[in-house]
Amino acid sequence: MVESPFLSILTLVAVVLLVVVTGGIGYLTLADWRDRRRLDEEKRSTRSTTSKRR
């Protein structure tokens, strides 16, 4: 069976798009986790400094 060049190119484009989308989702998940962690640390530090003032 002979594969057409169009199907080969289409398969390659599909794989590349899959990798790009998966990488983008991973990056956004990591960035969200990092921001949430930073905000939690800021809240904790703010809470501890305000409780020390009382």
C-alpha atoms as a PDB file:
ATOM      1  CA  MET A   1       0.000   0.000   0.000  1.00  0.00           C
ATOM      2  CA  VAL A   2       1.415   3.370  -1.038  1.00  0.00           C
ATOM      3  CA  GLU A   3       0.826   6.270   1.305  1.00  0.00           C
ATOM      4  CA  SER A   4       0.057   9.588  -0.269  1.00  0.00           C
ATOM      5  CA  PRO A   5       2.315  12.532   0.651  1.00  0.00           C
ATOM      6  CA  PHE A   6      -0.766  14.493   1.696  1.00  0.00           C
ATOM      7  CA  LEU A   7      -1.628  11.990   4.427  1.00  0.00           C
ATOM      8  CA  SER A   8       1.954  11.970   5.672  1.00  0.00           C
ATOM      9  CA  ILE A   9       2.014  15.751   5.922  1.00  0.00           C
ATOM     10  CA  LEU A  10      -1.416  15.802   7.554  1.00  0.00           C
ATOM     11  CA  THR A  11      -0.300  13.232  10.143  1.00  0.00           C
ATOM     12  CA  LEU A  12       2.852  15.210  10.892  1.00  0.00           C
ATOM     13  CA  VAL A  13       0.859  18.435  11.320  1.00  0.00           C
ATOM     14  CA  ALA A  14      -1.595  16.656  13.646  1.00  0.00           C
ATOM     15  CA  VAL A  15       1.234  15.310  15.817  1.00  0.00           C
ATOM     16  CA  VAL A  16       2.936  18.715  15.996  1.00  0.00           C
ATOM     17  CA  LEU A  17      -0.333  20.415  16.972  1.00  0.00           C
ATOM     18  CA  LEU A  18      -0.969  17.770  19.616  1.00  0.00           C
ATOM     19  CA  VAL A  19       2.463  18.378  21.137  1.00  0.00           C
ATOM     20  CA  VAL A  20       2.024  22.170  21.055  1.00  0.00           C
ATOM     21  CA  VAL A  21      -1.432  22.079  22.652  1.00  0.00           C
ATOM     22  CA  THR A  22      -0.310  19.606  25.319  1.00  0.00           C
ATOM     23  CA  GLY A  23       2.724  21.763  26.111  1.00  0.00           C
ATOM     24  CA  GLY A  24       0.545  24.864  26.335  1.00  0.00           C
ATOM     25  CA  ILE A  25      -1.857  23.195  28.739  1.00  0.00           C
ATOM     26  CA  GLY A  26       1.049  22.002  30.853  1.00  0.00           C
ATOM     27  CA  TYR A  27       2.555  25.498  30.939  1.00  0.00           C
ATOM     28  CA  LEU A  28      -0.747  27.117  31.935  1.00  0.00           C
ATOM     29  CA  THR A  29      -1.305  24.526  34.656  1.00  0.00           C
ATOM     30  CA  LEU A  30       2.181  25.100  36.044  1.00  0.00           C
ATOM     31  CA  ALA A  31       1.787  28.882  35.946  1.00  0.00           C
ATOM     32  CA  ASP A  32      -1.590  28.687  37.721  1.00  0.00           C
ATOM     33  CA  TRP A  33      -0.161  26.394  40.417  1.00  0.00           C
ATOM     34  CA  ARG A  34       2.833  28.707  40.916  1.00  0.00           C
ATOM     35  CA  ASP A  35       0.619  31.822  41.188  1.00  0.00           C
ATOM     36  CA  ARG A  36      -1.775  30.128  43.610  1.00  0.00           C
ATOM     37  CA  ARG A  37       1.155  29.024  45.771  1.00  0.00           C
ATOM     38  CA  ARG A  38       2.616  32.545  45.772  1.00  0.00           C
ATOM     39  CA  LEU A  39      -0.742  34.079  46.766  1.00  0.00           C
ATOM     40  CA  ASP A  40      -1.173  31.568  49.590  1.00  0.00           C
ATOM     41  CA  GLU A  41       2.288  32.443  50.911  1.00  0.00           C
ATOM     42  CA  GLU A  42       1.463  36.161  50.747  1.00  0.00           C
ATOM     43  CA  LYS A  43      -1.787  35.583  52.643  1.00  0.00           C
ATOM     44  CA  ARG A  44       0.045  33.590  55.313  1.00  0.00           C
ATOM     45  CA  SER A  45       2.725  36.244  55.732  1.00  0.00           C
ATOM     46  CA  THR A  46       0.130  39.015  55.865  1.00  0.00           C
ATOM     47  CA  ARG A  47      -1.893  37.102  58.440  1.00  0.00           C
ATOM     48  CA  SER A  48       1.152  36.468  60.616  1.00  0.00           C
ATOM     49  CA  THR A  49       2.285  40.120  60.533  1.00  0.00           C
ATOM     50  CA  THR A  50      -1.185  41.456  61.373  1.00  0.00           C
ATOM     51  CA  SER A  51      -1.608  39.009  64.245  1.00  0.00           C
ATOM     52  CA  LYS A  52       1.792  40.056  65.655  1.00  0.00           C
ATOM     53  CA  ARG A  53       0.717  43.691  65.755  1.00  0.00           C
ATOM     54  CA  ARG A  54      -2.204  43.012  68.095  1.00  0.00           C
END
